[in-house]
């Protein structure tokens, strides 16, 4: 038995338990687990049809939509990329942020999100969830 390795695992589990004390993080983890986690994001048949806008077939778009529903406050494209990765989606391309651009446009079109601050130059656009969808 490797005692230092076991101690490291215990410390990590304690960190997870500490994070789960936050109601928002607990709700996000619960939603991901009850949705089937990464498998649900890859399996279109598990997606609730009524919650997906028409034409949303790609698993990246579905995963991003699920992540946005659990986001609170402002976020950038990079934040959404990290949330989608955290939900189990694996990007194929070399630049995940570029891959996310079309999905952000879909989210804006569907009024799932809105722009808080437009991007300019090296400053990224800032978005937030729009709870008043059309």
N, C-alpha and C. Protein backbone atom coordinates (compact mmCIF):
# COMPACT_ATOMS: atom_id res chain seq x y z
N UNK A 1 0.84 -1.18 0.00
CA UNK A 1 0.00 0.00 0.00
C UNK A 1 0.88 1.24 0.00
N UNK A 2 0.61 2.16 -0.88
CA UNK A 2 1.38 3.39 -1.04
C UNK A 2 0.74 4.49 -0.19
N UNK A 3 1.22 4.68 1.03
CA UNK A 3 0.61 5.62 1.98
C UNK A 3 0.58 7.06 1.46
N UNK A 4 1.67 7.61 0.90
CA UNK A 4 1.59 8.99 0.41
C UNK A 4 0.54 9.17 -0.69
N UNK A 5 0.41 8.16 -1.52
CA UNK A 5 -0.59 8.24 -2.60
C UNK A 5 -2.01 8.22 -2.02
N UNK A 6 -2.22 7.37 -1.02
CA UNK A 6 -3.54 7.29 -0.37
C UNK A 6 -3.86 8.59 0.35
N UNK A 7 -2.88 9.19 0.99
CA UNK A 7 -3.09 10.47 1.68
C UNK A 7 -3.45 11.56 0.67
N UNK A 8 -2.80 11.53 -0.48
CA UNK A 8 -3.11 12.50 -1.54
C UNK A 8 -4.55 12.33 -2.03
N UNK A 9 -4.99 11.08 -2.20
CA UNK A 9 -6.37 10.83 -2.63
C UNK A 9 -7.36 11.32 -1.59
N UNK A 10 -7.07 11.09 -0.33
CA UNK A 10 -7.95 11.54 0.75
C UNK A 10 -8.04 13.06 0.75
N UNK A 11 -6.91 13.73 0.56
CA UNK A 11 -6.90 15.20 0.52
C UNK A 11 -7.74 15.72 -0.64
N UNK A 12 -7.65 15.06 -1.78
CA UNK A 12 -8.46 15.47 -2.93
C UNK A 12 -9.94 15.27 -2.66
N UNK A 13 -10.31 14.17 -2.04
CA UNK A 13 -11.71 13.93 -1.72
C UNK A 13 -12.23 14.97 -0.73
N UNK A 14 -11.39 15.38 0.21
CA UNK A 14 -11.78 16.43 1.14
C UNK A 14 -12.02 17.75 0.42
N UNK A 15 -11.21 18.03 -0.61
CA UNK A 15 -11.41 19.23 -1.41
C UNK A 15 -12.74 19.16 -2.16
N UNK A 16 -13.04 17.99 -2.70
CA UNK A 16 -14.31 17.81 -3.42
C UNK A 16 -15.48 18.02 -2.47
N UNK A 17 -15.40 17.43 -1.29
CA UNK A 17 -16.47 17.60 -0.31
C UNK A 17 -16.65 19.06 0.08
N UNK A 18 -15.55 19.76 0.21
CA UNK A 18 -15.62 21.19 0.55
C UNK A 18 -16.31 21.97 -0.57
N UNK A 19 -15.97 21.66 -1.83
CA UNK A 19 -16.61 22.32 -2.97
C UNK A 19 -18.10 22.03 -3.02
N UNK A 20 -18.48 20.80 -2.70
CA UNK A 20 -19.89 20.42 -2.77
C UNK A 20 -20.75 21.09 -1.70
N UNK A 21 -20.14 21.74 -0.74
CA UNK A 21 -20.90 22.50 0.26
C UNK A 21 -21.53 23.74 -0.36
N UNK A 22 -20.96 24.22 -1.47
CA UNK A 22 -21.52 25.37 -2.19
C UNK A 22 -22.77 24.89 -2.94
N UNK A 23 -23.95 25.47 -2.67
CA UNK A 23 -25.19 24.99 -3.30
C UNK A 23 -25.16 25.06 -4.83
N UNK A 24 -24.51 26.07 -5.40
CA UNK A 24 -24.44 26.19 -6.85
C UNK A 24 -23.60 25.07 -7.46
N UNK A 25 -22.46 24.78 -6.85
CA UNK A 25 -21.60 23.70 -7.35
C UNK A 25 -22.30 22.36 -7.17
N UNK A 26 -22.96 22.18 -6.02
CA UNK A 26 -23.69 20.93 -5.79
C UNK A 26 -24.76 20.73 -6.85
N UNK A 27 -25.51 21.80 -7.18
CA UNK A 27 -26.57 21.70 -8.20
C UNK A 27 -25.98 21.36 -9.56
N UNK A 28 -24.83 21.97 -9.89
CA UNK A 28 -24.19 21.69 -11.18
C UNK A 28 -23.74 20.23 -11.25
N UNK A 29 -23.08 19.75 -10.21
CA UNK A 29 -22.61 18.36 -10.20
C UNK A 29 -23.79 17.40 -10.24
N UNK A 30 -24.83 17.71 -9.49
CA UNK A 30 -26.02 16.85 -9.48
C UNK A 30 -26.64 16.77 -10.87
N UNK A 31 -26.75 17.93 -11.55
CA UNK A 31 -27.32 17.95 -12.89
C UNK A 31 -26.46 17.15 -13.87
N UNK A 32 -25.15 17.28 -13.76
CA UNK A 32 -24.27 16.53 -14.64
C UNK A 32 -24.36 15.03 -14.39
N UNK A 33 -24.46 14.65 -13.13
CA UNK A 33 -24.53 13.23 -12.79
C UNK A 33 -25.87 12.65 -13.20
N UNK A 34 -26.96 13.35 -12.95
CA UNK A 34 -28.28 12.82 -13.30
C UNK A 34 -28.52 12.87 -14.80
N UNK A 35 -27.81 13.75 -15.54
CA UNK A 35 -27.91 13.79 -17.00
C UNK A 35 -27.05 12.70 -17.64
N UNK A 36 -26.34 11.95 -16.85
CA UNK A 36 -25.48 10.92 -17.39
C UNK A 36 -24.05 11.39 -17.61
N UNK A 37 -23.73 12.58 -17.13
CA UNK A 37 -22.37 13.10 -17.25
C UNK A 37 -21.92 13.22 -18.68
N UNK A 38 -20.70 12.80 -18.94
CA UNK A 38 -20.12 12.93 -20.27
C UNK A 38 -20.85 12.07 -21.29
N UNK A 39 -21.37 10.92 -20.88
CA UNK A 39 -22.07 10.06 -21.83
C UNK A 39 -23.31 10.76 -22.37
N UNK A 40 -24.05 11.48 -21.53
CA UNK A 40 -25.25 12.16 -22.00
C UNK A 40 -24.90 13.24 -23.00
N UNK A 41 -23.76 13.90 -22.81
CA UNK A 41 -23.39 14.95 -23.75
C UNK A 41 -23.00 14.36 -25.10
N UNK A 42 -22.64 13.09 -25.15
CA UNK A 42 -22.26 12.46 -26.40
C UNK A 42 -23.41 11.69 -27.05
N UNK A 43 -24.48 11.45 -26.29
CA UNK A 43 -25.57 10.64 -26.79
C UNK A 43 -26.81 11.50 -26.98
N UNK A 44 -27.13 11.82 -28.22
CA UNK A 44 -28.26 12.70 -28.51
C UNK A 44 -29.58 12.11 -28.04
N UNK A 45 -29.68 10.80 -27.96
CA UNK A 45 -30.94 10.18 -27.55
C UNK A 45 -31.26 10.45 -26.09
N UNK A 46 -30.27 10.75 -25.27
CA UNK A 46 -30.51 11.04 -23.86
C UNK A 46 -30.88 12.50 -23.62
N UNK A 47 -30.71 13.36 -24.62
CA UNK A 47 -30.98 14.79 -24.45
C UNK A 47 -32.48 15.04 -24.43
N UNK A 48 -32.93 15.88 -23.49
CA UNK A 48 -34.35 16.22 -23.48
C UNK A 48 -34.68 17.05 -24.71
N UNK A 49 -35.55 16.55 -25.57
CA UNK A 49 -35.83 17.19 -26.85
C UNK A 49 -36.44 18.58 -26.68
N UNK A 50 -37.30 18.78 -25.68
CA UNK A 50 -37.98 20.05 -25.54
C UNK A 50 -37.04 21.19 -25.13
N UNK A 51 -35.90 20.86 -24.54
CA UNK A 51 -35.02 21.91 -24.06
C UNK A 51 -33.98 22.33 -25.11
N UNK A 52 -33.93 21.61 -26.23
CA UNK A 52 -32.94 21.93 -27.25
C UNK A 52 -33.59 22.70 -28.39
N UNK A 53 -33.01 23.84 -28.76
CA UNK A 53 -33.55 24.58 -29.90
C UNK A 53 -33.44 23.78 -31.18
N UNK A 54 -34.29 24.09 -32.13
CA UNK A 54 -34.29 23.40 -33.42
C UNK A 54 -32.93 23.54 -34.10
N UNK A 55 -32.43 22.46 -34.66
CA UNK A 55 -31.16 22.48 -35.38
C UNK A 55 -29.93 22.26 -34.52
N UNK A 56 -30.12 21.97 -33.23
CA UNK A 56 -28.99 21.74 -32.33
C UNK A 56 -28.73 20.25 -32.26
N UNK A 57 -27.85 19.77 -33.12
CA UNK A 57 -27.59 18.33 -33.14
C UNK A 57 -26.22 17.97 -32.57
N UNK A 58 -25.24 18.85 -32.68
CA UNK A 58 -23.89 18.53 -32.24
C UNK A 58 -23.78 18.42 -30.74
N UNK A 59 -22.96 17.48 -30.30
CA UNK A 59 -22.83 17.30 -28.86
C UNK A 59 -22.15 18.49 -28.19
N UNK A 60 -21.29 19.23 -28.92
CA UNK A 60 -20.68 20.42 -28.31
C UNK A 60 -21.76 21.46 -28.02
N UNK A 61 -22.66 21.67 -28.97
CA UNK A 61 -23.73 22.65 -28.78
C UNK A 61 -24.63 22.24 -27.62
N UNK A 62 -24.99 20.97 -27.55
CA UNK A 62 -25.86 20.50 -26.47
C UNK A 62 -25.16 20.62 -25.12
N UNK A 63 -23.89 20.26 -25.08
CA UNK A 63 -23.14 20.37 -23.83
C UNK A 63 -23.01 21.82 -23.41
N UNK A 64 -22.74 22.71 -24.36
CA UNK A 64 -22.62 24.15 -24.05
C UNK A 64 -23.94 24.69 -23.52
N UNK A 65 -25.05 24.30 -24.12
CA UNK A 65 -26.36 24.75 -23.66
C UNK A 65 -26.62 24.29 -22.23
N UNK A 66 -26.28 23.05 -21.93
CA UNK A 66 -26.44 22.55 -20.56
C UNK A 66 -25.57 23.33 -19.58
N UNK A 67 -24.33 23.60 -19.99
CA UNK A 67 -23.42 24.34 -19.11
C UNK A 67 -23.92 25.75 -18.86
N UNK A 68 -24.42 26.41 -19.90
CA UNK A 68 -24.92 27.78 -19.75
C UNK A 68 -26.08 27.81 -18.76
N UNK A 69 -26.92 26.80 -18.78
CA UNK A 69 -28.07 26.75 -17.87
C UNK A 69 -27.63 26.73 -16.41
N UNK A 70 -26.40 26.29 -16.15
CA UNK A 70 -25.91 26.20 -14.78
C UNK A 70 -24.92 27.31 -14.42
N UNK A 71 -24.66 28.21 -15.38
CA UNK A 71 -23.72 29.29 -15.11
C UNK A 71 -24.44 30.46 -14.43
N UNK A 72 -23.75 31.06 -13.50
CA UNK A 72 -24.28 32.24 -12.83
C UNK A 72 -23.29 33.38 -13.03
N UNK A 73 -23.78 34.55 -13.30
CA UNK A 73 -22.91 35.69 -13.48
C UNK A 73 -22.34 35.75 -14.89
N UNK A 74 -21.34 36.58 -15.04
CA UNK A 74 -20.73 36.83 -16.35
C UNK A 74 -19.69 35.77 -16.68
N UNK A 75 -19.50 35.54 -17.99
CA UNK A 75 -18.49 34.59 -18.43
C UNK A 75 -18.00 34.98 -19.81
N UNK A 76 -16.83 34.48 -20.16
CA UNK A 76 -16.25 34.70 -21.48
C UNK A 76 -16.30 33.40 -22.27
N UNK A 77 -15.90 33.47 -23.52
CA UNK A 77 -15.86 32.27 -24.35
C UNK A 77 -14.92 31.25 -23.72
N UNK A 78 -13.81 31.71 -23.19
CA UNK A 78 -12.84 30.80 -22.55
C UNK A 78 -13.48 30.10 -21.35
N UNK A 79 -14.27 30.83 -20.56
CA UNK A 79 -14.96 30.21 -19.42
C UNK A 79 -15.90 29.11 -19.88
N UNK A 80 -16.63 29.38 -20.98
CA UNK A 80 -17.56 28.37 -21.50
C UNK A 80 -16.80 27.16 -22.03
N UNK A 81 -15.68 27.39 -22.69
CA UNK A 81 -14.86 26.27 -23.17
C UNK A 81 -14.45 25.40 -21.99
N UNK A 82 -14.01 26.01 -20.91
CA UNK A 82 -13.57 25.24 -19.73
C UNK A 82 -14.74 24.49 -19.11
N UNK A 83 -15.92 25.10 -19.07
CA UNK A 83 -17.10 24.43 -18.53
C UNK A 83 -17.49 23.22 -19.38
N UNK A 84 -17.42 23.39 -20.70
CA UNK A 84 -17.75 22.30 -21.62
C UNK A 84 -16.73 21.16 -21.48
N UNK A 85 -15.46 21.51 -21.35
CA UNK A 85 -14.44 20.48 -21.12
C UNK A 85 -14.71 19.76 -19.81
N UNK A 86 -15.07 20.53 -18.78
CA UNK A 86 -15.37 19.96 -17.47
C UNK A 86 -16.57 19.03 -17.49
N UNK A 87 -17.47 19.25 -18.45
CA UNK A 87 -18.66 18.40 -18.59
C UNK A 87 -18.37 17.13 -19.39
N UNK A 88 -17.12 17.00 -19.84
CA UNK A 88 -16.73 15.77 -20.51
C UNK A 88 -16.58 15.85 -22.02
N UNK A 89 -16.82 17.01 -22.61
CA UNK A 89 -16.68 17.12 -24.06
C UNK A 89 -15.20 17.23 -24.41
N UNK A 90 -14.77 16.50 -25.44
CA UNK A 90 -13.39 16.54 -25.89
C UNK A 90 -13.32 17.27 -27.23
N UNK A 91 -12.62 18.37 -27.26
CA UNK A 91 -12.47 19.14 -28.50
C UNK A 91 -11.49 18.42 -29.42
N UNK A 92 -11.79 18.43 -30.70
CA UNK A 92 -10.94 17.77 -31.69
C UNK A 92 -9.91 18.74 -32.23
N UNK A 93 -10.33 19.96 -32.52
CA UNK A 93 -9.44 20.95 -33.11
C UNK A 93 -8.37 21.44 -32.15
N UNK A 94 -7.40 22.17 -32.71
CA UNK A 94 -6.31 22.69 -31.89
C UNK A 94 -6.72 23.90 -31.07
N UNK A 95 -7.76 24.62 -31.51
CA UNK A 95 -8.16 25.83 -30.81
C UNK A 95 -9.63 25.72 -30.39
N UNK A 96 -9.88 25.23 -29.18
CA UNK A 96 -11.26 25.06 -28.72
C UNK A 96 -12.06 26.36 -28.71
N UNK A 97 -11.41 27.49 -28.43
CA UNK A 97 -12.13 28.76 -28.40
C UNK A 97 -12.71 29.10 -29.77
N UNK A 98 -11.98 28.79 -30.82
CA UNK A 98 -12.50 29.05 -32.17
C UNK A 98 -13.66 28.09 -32.47
N UNK A 99 -13.55 26.87 -32.02
CA UNK A 99 -14.63 25.90 -32.22
C UNK A 99 -15.91 26.35 -31.52
N UNK A 100 -15.76 27.05 -30.42
CA UNK A 100 -16.90 27.48 -29.61
C UNK A 100 -17.63 28.68 -30.22
N UNK A 101 -17.00 29.41 -31.15
CA UNK A 101 -17.58 30.65 -31.66
C UNK A 101 -18.97 30.43 -32.28
N UNK A 102 -19.13 29.44 -33.13
CA UNK A 102 -20.43 29.20 -33.77
C UNK A 102 -21.48 28.82 -32.73
N UNK A 103 -21.09 28.06 -31.73
CA UNK A 103 -22.02 27.70 -30.67
C UNK A 103 -22.47 28.93 -29.90
N UNK A 104 -21.55 29.86 -29.64
CA UNK A 104 -21.93 31.11 -28.98
C UNK A 104 -22.93 31.89 -29.83
N UNK A 105 -22.71 31.90 -31.13
CA UNK A 105 -23.64 32.60 -32.02
C UNK A 105 -25.04 31.96 -31.94
N UNK A 106 -25.08 30.63 -31.88
CA UNK A 106 -26.37 29.94 -31.74
C UNK A 106 -27.04 30.31 -30.42
N UNK A 107 -26.25 30.32 -29.35
CA UNK A 107 -26.79 30.67 -28.03
C UNK A 107 -27.35 32.09 -28.03
N UNK A 108 -26.66 33.00 -28.72
CA UNK A 108 -27.15 34.39 -28.83
C UNK A 108 -28.43 34.44 -29.66
N UNK A 109 -28.46 33.71 -30.78
CA UNK A 109 -29.64 33.69 -31.64
C UNK A 109 -30.86 33.16 -30.89
N UNK A 110 -30.65 32.16 -30.06
CA UNK A 110 -31.74 31.55 -29.30
C UNK A 110 -32.06 32.32 -28.02
N UNK A 111 -31.32 33.39 -27.79
CA UNK A 111 -31.49 34.23 -26.60
C UNK A 111 -31.26 33.47 -25.29
N UNK A 112 -30.43 32.43 -25.36
CA UNK A 112 -30.04 31.70 -24.16
C UNK A 112 -29.02 32.50 -23.37
N UNK A 113 -28.25 33.34 -24.09
CA UNK A 113 -27.27 34.22 -23.47
C UNK A 113 -27.41 35.61 -24.09
N UNK A 114 -26.79 36.57 -23.45
CA UNK A 114 -26.73 37.92 -24.02
C UNK A 114 -25.33 38.48 -23.80
N UNK A 115 -24.97 39.45 -24.63
CA UNK A 115 -23.66 40.09 -24.49
C UNK A 115 -23.77 41.18 -23.45
N UNK A 116 -22.90 41.13 -22.46
CA UNK A 116 -22.84 42.15 -21.42
C UNK A 116 -21.88 43.25 -21.86
N UNK A 117 -20.71 42.83 -22.35
CA UNK A 117 -19.69 43.77 -22.84
C UNK A 117 -19.13 43.22 -24.13
N UNK A 118 -19.29 43.95 -25.25
CA UNK A 118 -18.72 43.46 -26.51
C UNK A 118 -17.20 43.40 -26.42
N UNK A 119 -16.62 42.45 -27.11
CA UNK A 119 -15.17 42.34 -27.16
C UNK A 119 -14.59 43.37 -28.10
N UNK A 120 -13.36 43.74 -27.86
CA UNK A 120 -12.65 44.69 -28.72
C UNK A 120 -11.16 44.43 -28.61
N UNK A 121 -10.51 44.27 -29.75
CA UNK A 121 -9.07 44.01 -29.73
C UNK A 121 -8.77 42.72 -29.00
N UNK A 122 -7.94 42.81 -27.98
CA UNK A 122 -7.59 41.61 -27.20
C UNK A 122 -8.54 41.38 -26.03
N UNK A 123 -9.48 42.28 -25.82
CA UNK A 123 -10.44 42.14 -24.73
C UNK A 123 -11.60 41.24 -25.20
N UNK A 124 -11.85 40.15 -24.50
CA UNK A 124 -12.90 39.23 -24.94
C UNK A 124 -14.30 39.78 -24.65
N UNK A 125 -15.26 39.30 -25.42
CA UNK A 125 -16.65 39.63 -25.14
C UNK A 125 -17.05 38.95 -23.83
N UNK A 126 -17.93 39.61 -23.10
CA UNK A 126 -18.42 39.06 -21.84
C UNK A 126 -19.92 38.77 -22.01
N UNK A 127 -20.34 37.58 -21.62
CA UNK A 127 -21.71 37.12 -21.77
C UNK A 127 -22.31 36.83 -20.40
N UNK A 128 -23.64 36.69 -20.39
CA UNK A 128 -24.31 36.15 -19.22
C UNK A 128 -25.55 35.40 -19.67
N UNK A 129 -26.00 34.49 -18.84
CA UNK A 129 -27.19 33.70 -19.15
C UNK A 129 -28.39 34.64 -19.21
N UNK A 130 -29.24 34.44 -20.17
CA UNK A 130 -30.43 35.25 -20.31
C UNK A 130 -31.61 34.41 -19.86
N UNK A 131 -32.14 34.73 -18.71
CA UNK A 131 -33.26 33.94 -18.17
C UNK A 131 -34.58 34.29 -18.81
N UNK A 132 -34.61 35.35 -19.61
CA UNK A 132 -35.84 35.75 -20.30
C UNK A 132 -35.76 35.34 -21.75
N UNK A 133 -35.75 34.03 -22.00
CA UNK A 133 -35.67 33.53 -23.38
C UNK A 133 -36.96 33.79 -24.11
N UNK A 134 -36.84 33.87 -25.45
CA UNK A 134 -38.02 34.11 -26.28
C UNK A 134 -38.99 32.96 -26.23
